[in-house]
C-alpha atoms as a PDB file:
ATOM      1  CA  MET A   1      -9.064  13.444  -4.680  1.00  0.00           C
ATOM      2  CA  ASP A   2      -6.058  11.348  -5.683  1.00  0.00           C
ATOM      3  CA  ARG A   3      -5.919   7.580  -5.244  1.00  0.00           C
ATOM      4  CA  ILE A   4      -3.343   4.970  -4.292  1.00  0.00           C
ATOM      5  CA  PHE A   5      -3.942   1.321  -5.208  1.00  0.00           C
ATOM      6  CA  LEU A   6      -2.653  -1.701  -3.318  1.00  0.00           C
ATOM      7  CA  LYS A   7      -3.507  -4.721  -5.436  1.00  0.00           C
ATOM      8  CA  ASP A   8      -3.676  -8.428  -4.708  1.00  0.00           C
ATOM      9  CA  LEU A   9      -2.238  -8.505  -1.195  1.00  0.00           C
ATOM     10  CA  LEU A  10      -2.119 -12.193  -0.301  1.00  0.00           C
ATOM     11  CA  ALA A  11      -2.421 -13.058   3.378  1.00  0.00           C
ATOM     12  CA  ARG A  12      -3.398 -16.045   5.499  1.00  0.00           C
ATOM     13  CA  CYS A  13      -5.778 -16.004   8.441  1.00  0.00           C
ATOM     14  CA  ILE A  14      -8.441 -17.933  10.277  1.00  0.00           C
ATOM     15  CA  ILE A  15     -11.665 -16.975   8.491  1.00  0.00           C
ATOM     16  CA  GLY A  16     -15.003 -18.732   8.188  1.00  0.00           C
ATOM     17  CA  ALA A  17     -18.080 -19.784  10.075  1.00  0.00           C
ATOM     18  CA  ASN A  18     -17.722 -23.546   9.624  1.00  0.00           C
ATOM     19  CA  GLU A  19     -15.907 -25.548  12.290  1.00  0.00           C
ATOM     20  CA  ALA A  20     -13.433 -26.903   9.720  1.00  0.00           C
ATOM     21  CA  GLU A  21     -12.439 -23.331   8.814  1.00  0.00           C
ATOM     22  CA  ARG A  22     -11.551 -22.428  12.394  1.00  0.00           C
ATOM     23  CA  HIS A  23      -8.385 -24.548  12.617  1.00  0.00           C
ATOM     24  CA  ASP A  24      -6.140 -23.812   9.645  1.00  0.00           C
ATOM     25  CA  LYS A  25      -5.280 -20.466   8.110  1.00  0.00           C
ATOM     26  CA  GLN A  26      -6.744 -19.808   4.680  1.00  0.00           C
ATOM     27  CA  ASN A  27      -5.718 -17.474   1.894  1.00  0.00           C
ATOM     28  CA  VAL A  28      -7.431 -14.142   1.442  1.00  0.00           C
ATOM     29  CA  ILE A  29      -6.728 -11.603  -1.271  1.00  0.00           C
ATOM     30  CA  VAL A  30      -7.131  -7.929  -0.426  1.00  0.00           C
ATOM     31  CA  ASN A  31      -7.294  -4.934  -2.735  1.00  0.00           C
ATOM     32  CA  LEU A  32      -7.327  -1.369  -1.468  1.00  0.00           C
ATOM     33  CA  VAL A  33      -8.053   1.994  -3.028  1.00  0.00           C
ATOM     34  CA  LEU A  34      -6.990   4.855  -0.776  1.00  0.00           C
ATOM     35  CA  TRP A  35      -8.206   8.397  -1.440  1.00  0.00           C
ATOM     36  CA  THR A  36      -5.681  11.015  -0.337  1.00  0.00           C
ATOM     37  CA  ASP A  37      -4.014  14.234  -1.488  1.00  0.00           C
ATOM     38  CA  LEU A  38      -0.798  13.355  -3.317  1.00  0.00           C
ATOM     39  CA  SER A  39       0.077  16.867  -4.471  1.00  0.00           C
ATOM     40  CA  LYS A  40       2.580  17.750  -1.728  1.00  0.00           C
ATOM     41  CA  GLY A  41       4.569  14.530  -2.178  1.00  0.00           C
ATOM     42  CA  GLY A  42       4.318  14.840  -5.944  1.00  0.00           C
ATOM     43  CA  LYS A  43       5.941  18.269  -5.772  1.00  0.00           C
ATOM     44  CA  SER A  44       8.558  17.576  -3.092  1.00  0.00           C
ATOM     45  CA  ASP A  45       9.428  13.951  -3.981  1.00  0.00           C
ATOM     46  CA  ARG A  46       9.718  13.221  -0.237  1.00  0.00           C
ATOM     47  CA  ILE A  47       8.109  10.216   1.472  1.00  0.00           C
ATOM     48  CA  ALA A  48       7.414  12.402   4.522  1.00  0.00           C
ATOM     49  CA  ASP A  49       5.031  14.468   2.381  1.00  0.00           C
ATOM     50  CA  THR A  50       2.841  11.608   1.243  1.00  0.00           C
ATOM     51  CA  LEU A  51       1.125   8.454   2.438  1.00  0.00           C
ATOM     52  CA  ASP A  52       3.673   5.761   3.264  1.00  0.00           C
ATOM     53  CA  TYR A  53       1.784   2.892   1.634  1.00  0.00           C
ATOM     54  CA  SER A  54       4.482   0.394   2.569  1.00  0.00           C
ATOM     55  CA  LYS A  55       3.919   1.146   6.256  1.00  0.00           C
ATOM     56  CA  LEU A  56       0.149   1.008   5.785  1.00  0.00           C
ATOM     57  CA  ARG A  57       0.460  -2.323   3.949  1.00  0.00           C
ATOM     58  CA  ASN A  58       2.390  -3.734   6.910  1.00  0.00           C
ATOM     59  CA  SER A  59      -0.356  -2.622   9.325  1.00  0.00           C
ATOM     60  CA  VAL A  60      -3.041  -4.154   7.117  1.00  0.00           C
ATOM     61  CA  MET A  61      -1.135  -7.426   6.730  1.00  0.00           C
ATOM     62  CA  ASP A  62      -0.534  -7.660  10.497  1.00  0.00           C
ATOM     63  CA  THR A  63      -4.247  -7.059  11.086  1.00  0.00           C
ATOM     64  CA  ILE A  64      -5.297  -9.736   8.614  1.00  0.00           C
ATOM     65  CA  GLU A  65      -2.816 -12.366   9.733  1.00  0.00           C
ATOM     66  CA  SER A  66      -3.735 -11.992  13.419  1.00  0.00           C
ATOM     67  CA  SER A  67      -7.510 -11.932  12.791  1.00  0.00           C
ATOM     68  CA  ARG A  68      -9.995 -14.701  13.524  1.00  0.00           C
ATOM     69  CA  PHE A  69     -13.228 -13.391  12.014  1.00  0.00           C
ATOM     70  CA  PHE A  70     -16.142 -15.564  11.008  1.00  0.00           C
ATOM     71  CA  LEU A  71     -17.136 -13.298   8.098  1.00  0.00           C
ATOM     72  CA  ILE A  72     -15.103 -11.644   5.360  1.00  0.00           C
ATOM     73  CA  GLU A  73     -17.459  -8.682   5.867  1.00  0.00           C
ATOM     74  CA  ALA A  74     -16.043  -8.214   9.384  1.00  0.00           C
ATOM     75  CA  LEU A  75     -12.479  -8.537   8.115  1.00  0.00           C
ATOM     76  CA  ALA A  76     -13.154  -5.874   5.468  1.00  0.00           C
ATOM     77  CA  GLU A  77     -14.555  -3.508   8.118  1.00  0.00           C
ATOM     78  CA  ARG A  78     -11.471  -3.957  10.295  1.00  0.00           C
ATOM     79  CA  ILE A  79      -9.145  -3.326   7.357  1.00  0.00           C
ATOM     80  CA  ALA A  80     -11.066  -0.129   6.537  1.00  0.00           C
ATOM     81  CA  GLU A  81     -10.641   1.025  10.160  1.00  0.00           C
ATOM     82  CA  VAL A  82      -6.884   0.432   9.970  1.00  0.00           C
ATOM     83  CA  CYS A  83      -6.659   2.432   6.753  1.00  0.00           C
ATOM     84  CA  LEU A  84      -8.755   5.329   8.062  1.00  0.00           C
ATOM     85  CA  ALA A  85      -6.621   5.494  11.225  1.00  0.00           C
ATOM     86  CA  GLU A  86      -3.925   6.925   8.934  1.00  0.00           C
ATOM     87  CA  PRO A  87      -4.658  10.701   8.983  1.00  0.00           C
ATOM     88  CA  ARG A  88      -3.817  11.173   5.291  1.00  0.00           C
ATOM     89  CA  VAL A  89      -6.460   8.657   4.135  1.00  0.00           C
ATOM     90  CA  GLN A  90      -9.825  10.321   3.557  1.00  0.00           C
ATOM     91  CA  ARG A  91     -11.668   7.385   2.042  1.00  0.00           C
ATOM     92  CA  VAL A  92     -10.961   3.704   1.406  1.00  0.00           C
ATOM     93  CA  GLN A  93     -12.376   0.946  -0.750  1.00  0.00           C
ATOM     94  CA  VAL A  94     -11.616  -2.530   0.553  1.00  0.00           C
ATOM     95  CA  THR A  95     -12.122  -5.729  -1.414  1.00  0.00           C
ATOM     96  CA  VAL A  96     -11.592  -9.047   0.377  1.00  0.00           C
ATOM     97  CA  GLU A  97     -11.733 -12.306  -1.550  1.00  0.00           C
ATOM     98  CA  LYS A  98     -11.606 -15.812  -0.177  1.00  0.00           C
ATOM     99  CA  PRO A  99     -10.396 -18.118  -2.954  1.00  0.00           C
ATOM    100  CA  SER A 100     -12.016 -21.530  -3.211  1.00  0.00           C
ATOM    101  CA  ALA A 101     -14.659 -20.679  -0.602  1.00  0.00           C
ATOM    102  CA  LEU A 102     -17.343 -22.274  -2.723  1.00  0.00           C
ATOM    103  CA  ARG A 103     -17.106 -25.483  -4.657  1.00  0.00           C
ATOM    104  CA  PHE A 104     -17.027 -24.811  -8.402  1.00  0.00           C
ATOM    105  CA  GLY A 105     -16.194 -21.137  -7.823  1.00  0.00           C
ATOM    106  CA  LYS A 106     -12.897 -19.286  -8.078  1.00  0.00           C
ATOM    107  CA  SER A 107     -13.562 -17.051  -5.077  1.00  0.00           C
ATOM    108  CA  VAL A 108     -16.116 -15.224  -2.958  1.00  0.00           C
ATOM    109  CA  GLY A 109     -15.612 -11.606  -2.026  1.00  0.00           C
ATOM    110  CA  VAL A 110     -16.989  -8.429  -0.567  1.00  0.00           C
ATOM    111  CA  GLU A 111     -16.265  -4.822  -1.402  1.00  0.00           C
ATOM    112  CA  ILE A 112     -16.915  -1.914   0.957  1.00  0.00           C
ATOM    113  CA  GLU A 113     -16.209   1.815   0.949  1.00  0.00           C
ATOM    114  CA  ARG A 114     -15.762   3.866   4.077  1.00  0.00           C
ATOM    115  CA  GLU A 115     -14.745   7.469   4.608  1.00  0.00           C
ATOM    116  CA  ARG A 116     -13.619   9.723   7.367  1.00  0.00           C
ATOM    117  CA  PRO A 117     -16.612  11.335   9.129  1.00  0.00           C
END
């Protein structure tokens, strides 16, 4: 199966279990790998024949920026659901990082893979 990559999407949302994290939006960085069949679009050169990753990016960004999860694990699950709601996506890998979540660390992150049943 072919893959599309969306790398280093930067968004801001309420995320975290500590009271101090529940007031101000924080940065999260999201990376996606989307498994899909790109052959039809590759042959026709028409956006209608492939996954519109710009549209999907907008849906993912809207989801992130309106979320209020306690855990980045829950945010990753929701992003995977949004991606798999697109009929052309057969499988998705979602990586969510929260920069500066831990003192003396660059970031904390999770990575999940989900596929269409």
